[in-house]
């Protein structure tokens, strides 16, 4: 018992472990953490030696983590959450104020929700009012001064220097393998609503390229568009997270869509100490892990 109780879990090693899981391997995790691959591998070997078990599977074509590694990941996330909250709690100052925050639907069930929950516990005197809207609507509200900040999706070439990039991903043209496209007929197009910038880009592109799109299905929910694609109703623009095994990527038939980014963007000339504290906490989280998790 004394030997077991003398074992310790290193917080930096646990952070590296979570980064390996989040980014799909030691090499990418090392890049995100700003460490060498050998340094991250050394942390994992020390962790394995401390626990006297294998955490990473090193066999060809095997899953990345052993059973013990998967178990440890669950504990690691909880330990890091409590650790980071304790550090913030003991170093916080009394903060008061109001924040008007905008978010897209797919960022409400992510790491951001966890950060916002922690922020509320640490700063109970700060009132955060959140609105969930499409990105174009949120950007318009920012320009009008109706929001202090918003977490929005946009094309990567639209990212501003002051934006905080939370996540990057690719956009693809997709359809069901059962759907046969004809050059003589309009392309059946599955679209998010009129406030979707995917839709505007795709329809504008069609006009420029001479492609005729016919909107046959319109839905504000990604789940609805996914169902429409897999049912063979038409072609859609979907981000990488929403691709399903039964979908066919047809990028070669259309011009390549721009890449995407999720960012937190402040209103111009915002002077809100409470907001700046929240932004710093989000920035710190991004620096720790390289990107924040966005829901499917």
Protein backbone atom coordinates (compact mmCIF):
# COMPACT_ATOMS: atom_id res chain seq x y z
CA UNK A 1 0.00 0.00 0.00
CA UNK A 2 2.81 2.40 0.85
CA UNK A 3 4.30 1.90 -2.61
CA UNK A 4 1.00 2.68 -4.35
CA UNK A 5 0.33 5.76 -2.22
CA UNK A 6 3.79 7.15 -2.99
CA UNK A 7 3.02 7.29 -6.74
CA UNK A 8 2.28 10.69 -8.25
CA UNK A 9 0.56 11.89 -11.41
CA UNK A 10 2.40 14.75 -13.08
CA UNK A 11 -0.01 17.48 -14.26
CA UNK A 12 2.10 18.35 -17.33
CA UNK A 13 2.20 14.68 -18.32
CA UNK A 14 -1.59 14.45 -17.98
CA UNK A 15 -1.95 17.57 -20.12
CA UNK A 16 0.25 15.95 -22.77
CA UNK A 17 -1.85 12.78 -22.56
CA UNK A 18 -5.07 14.72 -23.22
CA UNK A 19 -3.38 16.56 -26.10
CA UNK A 20 -2.34 13.24 -27.67
CA UNK A 21 -5.95 12.06 -27.56
CA UNK A 22 -7.34 15.37 -28.84
CA UNK A 23 -4.89 15.73 -31.75
CA UNK A 24 -4.52 12.08 -32.70
CA UNK A 25 -0.92 11.28 -31.82
CA UNK A 26 2.33 12.21 -30.13
CA UNK A 27 3.77 14.15 -33.08
CA UNK A 28 0.82 16.51 -33.49
CA UNK A 29 0.42 16.92 -29.72
CA UNK A 30 4.08 17.92 -29.45
CA UNK A 31 3.61 20.58 -32.15
CA UNK A 32 0.55 22.00 -30.40
CA UNK A 33 2.22 22.01 -26.98
CA UNK A 34 5.41 23.59 -28.34
CA UNK A 35 7.53 20.61 -27.27
CA UNK A 36 9.73 18.14 -29.09
CA UNK A 37 8.30 14.72 -29.90
CA UNK A 38 10.94 13.10 -27.69
CA UNK A 39 9.93 15.33 -24.76
CA UNK A 40 6.30 14.24 -25.02
CA UNK A 41 7.32 10.59 -25.42
CA UNK A 42 9.52 10.92 -22.33
CA UNK A 43 6.56 12.26 -20.33
CA UNK A 44 4.49 9.25 -21.38
CA UNK A 45 7.24 6.78 -20.47
CA UNK A 46 7.62 8.39 -17.02
CA UNK A 47 3.87 8.23 -16.53
CA UNK A 48 3.84 4.56 -17.50
CA UNK A 49 6.76 3.85 -15.15
CA UNK A 50 5.01 5.66 -12.31
CA UNK A 51 1.78 3.69 -12.80
CA UNK A 52 3.52 0.44 -13.78
CA UNK A 53 1.32 -0.07 -16.85
CA UNK A 54 1.26 0.72 -20.56
CA UNK A 55 -0.76 3.79 -21.56
CA UNK A 56 0.04 4.10 -25.26
CA UNK A 57 -0.26 1.12 -27.56
CA UNK A 58 2.88 0.81 -29.66
CA UNK A 59 1.78 -2.12 -31.83
CA UNK A 60 1.22 -1.53 -35.58
CA UNK A 61 -2.42 -0.83 -36.53
CA UNK A 62 -3.49 -0.97 -32.88
CA UNK A 63 -5.65 1.69 -31.20
CA UNK A 64 -3.69 4.68 -29.90
CA UNK A 65 -4.45 3.95 -26.23
CA UNK A 66 -4.48 0.78 -24.17
CA UNK A 67 -7.43 0.02 -21.92
CA UNK A 68 -5.50 1.54 -19.00
CA UNK A 69 -4.75 4.59 -21.15
CA UNK A 70 -8.45 5.12 -21.88
CA UNK A 71 -9.23 4.83 -18.17
CA UNK A 72 -6.50 7.33 -17.30
CA UNK A 73 -7.83 9.83 -19.87
CA UNK A 74 -11.09 10.09 -17.95
CA UNK A 75 -9.26 10.82 -14.72
CA UNK A 76 -6.86 13.20 -16.48
CA UNK A 77 -9.65 15.43 -17.78
CA UNK A 78 -11.21 15.65 -14.31
CA UNK A 79 -7.86 16.30 -12.60
CA UNK A 80 -6.89 19.02 -15.08
CA UNK A 81 -10.30 20.66 -14.78
CA UNK A 82 -10.06 20.86 -10.97
CA UNK A 83 -6.38 21.88 -11.14
CA UNK A 84 -6.98 24.74 -13.57
CA UNK A 85 -10.06 25.93 -11.71
CA UNK A 86 -8.14 25.95 -8.41
CA UNK A 87 -5.33 28.02 -9.93
CA UNK A 88 -7.80 30.52 -11.34
CA UNK A 89 -9.83 30.64 -8.15
CA UNK A 90 -6.85 31.37 -5.89
CA UNK A 91 -5.52 34.06 -8.23
CA UNK A 92 -8.81 35.77 -9.08
CA UNK A 93 -9.75 39.31 -8.12
CA UNK A 94 -13.24 40.57 -7.35
CA UNK A 95 -14.90 41.10 -10.69
CA UNK A 96 -18.27 42.61 -11.51
CA UNK A 97 -20.08 43.57 -14.68
CA UNK A 98 -22.16 42.29 -17.56
CA UNK A 99 -21.26 40.44 -20.74
CA UNK A 100 -23.51 40.13 -23.79
CA UNK A 101 -22.16 37.06 -25.59
CA UNK A 102 -23.19 35.43 -28.86
CA UNK A 103 -22.57 31.79 -29.77
CA UNK A 104 -23.44 29.48 -32.64
CA UNK A 105 -25.45 26.35 -31.90
CA UNK A 106 -22.55 23.96 -32.36
CA UNK A 107 -20.39 25.81 -29.81
CA UNK A 108 -22.92 25.46 -26.99
CA UNK A 109 -22.01 21.80 -26.29
CA UNK A 110 -18.22 22.07 -26.30
CA UNK A 111 -15.16 23.03 -24.29
CA UNK A 112 -16.57 26.57 -24.36
CA UNK A 113 -19.53 25.56 -22.22
CA UNK A 114 -17.14 24.09 -19.67
CA UNK A 115 -15.09 27.33 -19.65
CA UNK A 116 -18.23 29.46 -19.28
CA UNK A 117 -19.46 27.29 -16.41
CA UNK A 118 -16.14 27.64 -14.63
CA UNK A 119 -16.13 31.41 -15.26
CA UNK A 120 -19.57 31.70 -13.66
CA UNK A 121 -18.42 29.81 -10.56
CA UNK A 122 -15.27 31.91 -10.24
CA UNK A 123 -16.96 35.26 -10.90
CA UNK A 124 -20.52 35.05 -9.53
CA UNK A 125 -20.89 38.85 -9.65
CA UNK A 126 -20.54 38.89 -13.43
CA UNK A 127 -23.76 38.48 -15.42
CA UNK A 128 -23.31 36.67 -18.74
CA UNK A 129 -26.24 36.77 -21.15
CA UNK A 130 -25.80 34.45 -24.11
CA UNK A 131 -27.66 34.48 -27.43
CA UNK A 132 -27.46 31.54 -29.85
CA UNK A 133 -27.73 32.59 -33.50
CA UNK A 134 -26.23 31.90 -36.94
CA UNK A 135 -22.75 33.35 -37.50
CA UNK A 136 -23.87 36.03 -39.96
CA UNK A 137 -26.52 37.26 -37.51
CA UNK A 138 -23.98 37.40 -34.68
CA UNK A 139 -21.51 39.32 -36.82
CA UNK A 140 -24.20 41.85 -37.65
CA UNK A 141 -25.09 42.21 -33.97
CA UNK A 142 -21.42 42.81 -33.18
CA UNK A 143 -21.22 45.57 -35.75
CA UNK A 144 -24.32 47.19 -34.27
CA UNK A 145 -22.92 47.05 -30.72
CA UNK A 146 -25.65 44.68 -29.50
CA UNK A 147 -23.01 42.16 -28.32
CA UNK A 148 -19.73 42.54 -26.46
CA UNK A 149 -18.26 39.47 -28.15
CA UNK A 150 -19.34 36.49 -30.21
CA UNK A 151 -18.04 33.03 -30.96
CA UNK A 152 -18.59 32.65 -34.69
CA UNK A 153 -17.64 30.51 -37.66
CA UNK A 154 -16.18 32.17 -40.74
CA UNK A 155 -13.86 31.53 -43.66
CA UNK A 156 -10.20 31.47 -42.64
CA UNK A 157 -9.31 34.34 -44.94
CA UNK A 158 -11.76 36.50 -42.93
CA UNK A 159 -9.94 35.98 -39.61
CA UNK A 160 -8.80 39.31 -38.16
CA UNK A 161 -5.56 39.81 -36.17
CA UNK A 162 -7.55 40.48 -32.97
CA UNK A 163 -9.66 37.32 -33.33
CA UNK A 164 -8.87 34.34 -31.11
CA UNK A 165 -8.89 31.18 -33.23
CA UNK A 166 -10.49 28.31 -31.35
CA UNK A 167 -10.67 25.64 -34.05
CA UNK A 168 -9.97 25.19 -37.75
CA UNK A 169 -11.59 22.77 -40.17
CA UNK A 170 -12.30 22.12 -43.84
CA UNK A 171 -15.49 22.50 -45.87
CA UNK A 172 -16.55 19.97 -48.52
CA UNK A 173 -19.11 19.39 -51.24
CA UNK A 174 -20.87 16.10 -50.43
CA UNK A 175 -23.66 13.87 -51.73
CA UNK A 176 -24.97 10.34 -51.45
CA UNK A 177 -23.27 7.78 -53.75
CA UNK A 178 -26.79 6.93 -54.96
CA UNK A 179 -27.38 10.45 -56.28
CA UNK A 180 -26.44 10.83 -59.95
CA UNK A 181 -25.76 14.39 -61.10
CA UNK A 182 -26.69 15.46 -64.62
CA UNK A 183 -24.99 18.26 -66.55
CA UNK A 184 -28.26 18.97 -68.31
CA UNK A 185 -30.25 19.57 -65.12
CA UNK A 186 -29.89 21.97 -62.18
CA UNK A 187 -27.87 20.67 -59.23
CA UNK A 188 -30.23 19.83 -56.33
CA UNK A 189 -28.86 21.85 -53.43
CA UNK A 190 -29.44 21.24 -49.72
CA UNK A 191 -29.09 24.50 -47.88
CA UNK A 192 -28.97 25.96 -44.42
CA UNK A 193 -31.20 29.02 -44.06
CA UNK A 194 -30.61 32.39 -45.70
CA UNK A 195 -28.32 33.51 -42.86
CA UNK A 196 -25.77 30.79 -43.68
CA UNK A 197 -22.57 32.03 -45.30
CA UNK A 198 -21.94 28.54 -46.81
CA UNK A 199 -25.16 29.01 -48.76
CA UNK A 200 -24.28 32.50 -49.94
CA UNK A 201 -20.82 31.41 -51.06
CA UNK A 202 -22.18 28.35 -52.87
CA UNK A 203 -24.97 30.18 -54.68
CA UNK A 204 -22.72 33.11 -55.62
CA UNK A 205 -20.17 30.63 -56.92
CA UNK A 206 -22.83 28.95 -59.03
CA UNK A 207 -23.73 32.24 -60.66
CA UNK A 208 -20.07 33.04 -61.35
CA UNK A 209 -19.27 29.57 -62.71
CA UNK A 210 -22.48 29.12 -64.68
CA UNK A 211 -23.63 26.22 -62.49
CA UNK A 212 -27.36 26.19 -61.85
CA UNK A 213 -28.31 25.23 -58.31
CA UNK A 214 -31.87 24.43 -57.34
CA UNK A 215 -32.52 24.63 -53.61
CA UNK A 216 -34.64 21.56 -52.87
CA UNK A 217 -34.23 21.43 -49.08
CA UNK A 218 -33.65 24.18 -46.54
CA UNK A 219 -32.94 23.57 -42.87
CA UNK A 220 -31.18 25.52 -40.11
CA UNK A 221 -30.00 22.32 -38.41
CA UNK A 222 -26.84 20.46 -39.43
CA UNK A 223 -28.55 17.18 -38.47
CA UNK A 224 -31.27 17.90 -41.02
CA UNK A 225 -28.77 18.62 -43.79
CA UNK A 226 -26.82 15.44 -42.94
CA UNK A 227 -30.04 13.40 -43.13
CA UNK A 228 -30.91 15.00 -46.47
CA UNK A 229 -27.50 14.18 -47.94
CA UNK A 230 -27.50 10.56 -46.79
CA UNK A 231 -31.04 10.17 -48.17
CA UNK A 232 -29.85 11.26 -51.61
CA UNK A 233 -31.86 14.48 -51.80
CA UNK A 234 -29.04 16.57 -53.17
CA UNK A 235 -25.58 18.14 -52.83
CA UNK A 236 -24.59 20.12 -49.74
CA UNK A 237 -21.67 22.01 -48.24
CA UNK A 238 -20.69 20.39 -44.94
CA UNK A 239 -17.76 20.87 -42.60
CA UNK A 240 -15.37 18.03 -41.81
CA UNK A 241 -17.02 17.26 -38.45
CA UNK A 242 -20.34 16.44 -40.06
CA UNK A 243 -19.09 14.03 -42.73
CA UNK A 244 -20.55 10.53 -42.45
CA UNK A 245 -19.12 7.21 -43.74
CA UNK A 246 -21.95 6.92 -46.29
CA UNK A 247 -21.25 10.29 -47.90
CA UNK A 248 -19.29 10.89 -51.09
CA UNK A 249 -17.00 13.94 -51.22
CA UNK A 250 -17.42 15.55 -54.66
CA UNK A 251 -14.97 18.45 -54.36
CA UNK A 252 -13.50 17.58 -57.77
CA UNK A 253 -16.80 18.52 -59.45
CA UNK A 254 -16.94 21.99 -57.90
CA UNK A 255 -14.42 24.71 -56.97
CA UNK A 256 -12.75 24.02 -53.63
CA UNK A 257 -14.50 25.77 -50.72
CA UNK A 258 -12.42 27.99 -48.42
CA UNK A 259 -11.28 26.53 -45.11
CA UNK A 260 -13.19 27.45 -41.95
CA UNK A 261 -12.29 28.84 -38.54
CA UNK A 262 -14.16 29.27 -35.28
CA UNK A 263 -13.11 32.48 -33.54
CA UNK A 264 -14.04 34.64 -30.61
CA UNK A 265 -14.45 38.20 -31.85
CA UNK A 266 -14.93 41.29 -29.70
CA UNK A 267 -17.07 44.27 -30.64
CA UNK A 268 -15.06 47.22 -31.84
CA UNK A 269 -13.91 49.61 -29.08
CA UNK A 270 -15.14 47.25 -26.37
CA UNK A 271 -14.00 48.32 -22.88
CA UNK A 272 -15.31 45.59 -20.63
CA UNK A 273 -13.01 44.24 -17.86
CA UNK A 274 -15.27 41.23 -17.28
CA UNK A 275 -15.15 40.32 -20.98
CA UNK A 276 -11.37 40.71 -21.10
CA UNK A 277 -11.06 38.31 -18.16
CA UNK A 278 -13.22 35.74 -19.96
CA UNK A 279 -11.24 36.21 -23.18
CA UNK A 280 -7.95 35.68 -21.33
CA UNK A 281 -9.27 32.43 -19.85
CA UNK A 282 -10.31 31.19 -23.30
CA UNK A 283 -6.92 32.21 -24.73
CA UNK A 284 -5.15 30.30 -21.94
CA UNK A 285 -7.21 27.20 -22.71
CA UNK A 286 -6.35 27.43 -26.41
CA UNK A 287 -2.64 27.78 -25.58
CA UNK A 288 -2.79 24.70 -23.34
CA UNK A 289 -4.46 22.44 -25.89
CA UNK A 290 -3.90 24.09 -29.28
CA UNK A 291 -7.61 24.12 -30.13
CA UNK A 292 -10.94 23.80 -28.38
CA UNK A 293 -13.30 20.92 -29.01
CA UNK A 294 -16.31 21.76 -31.18
CA UNK A 295 -19.39 19.53 -31.08
CA UNK A 296 -20.58 17.39 -33.97
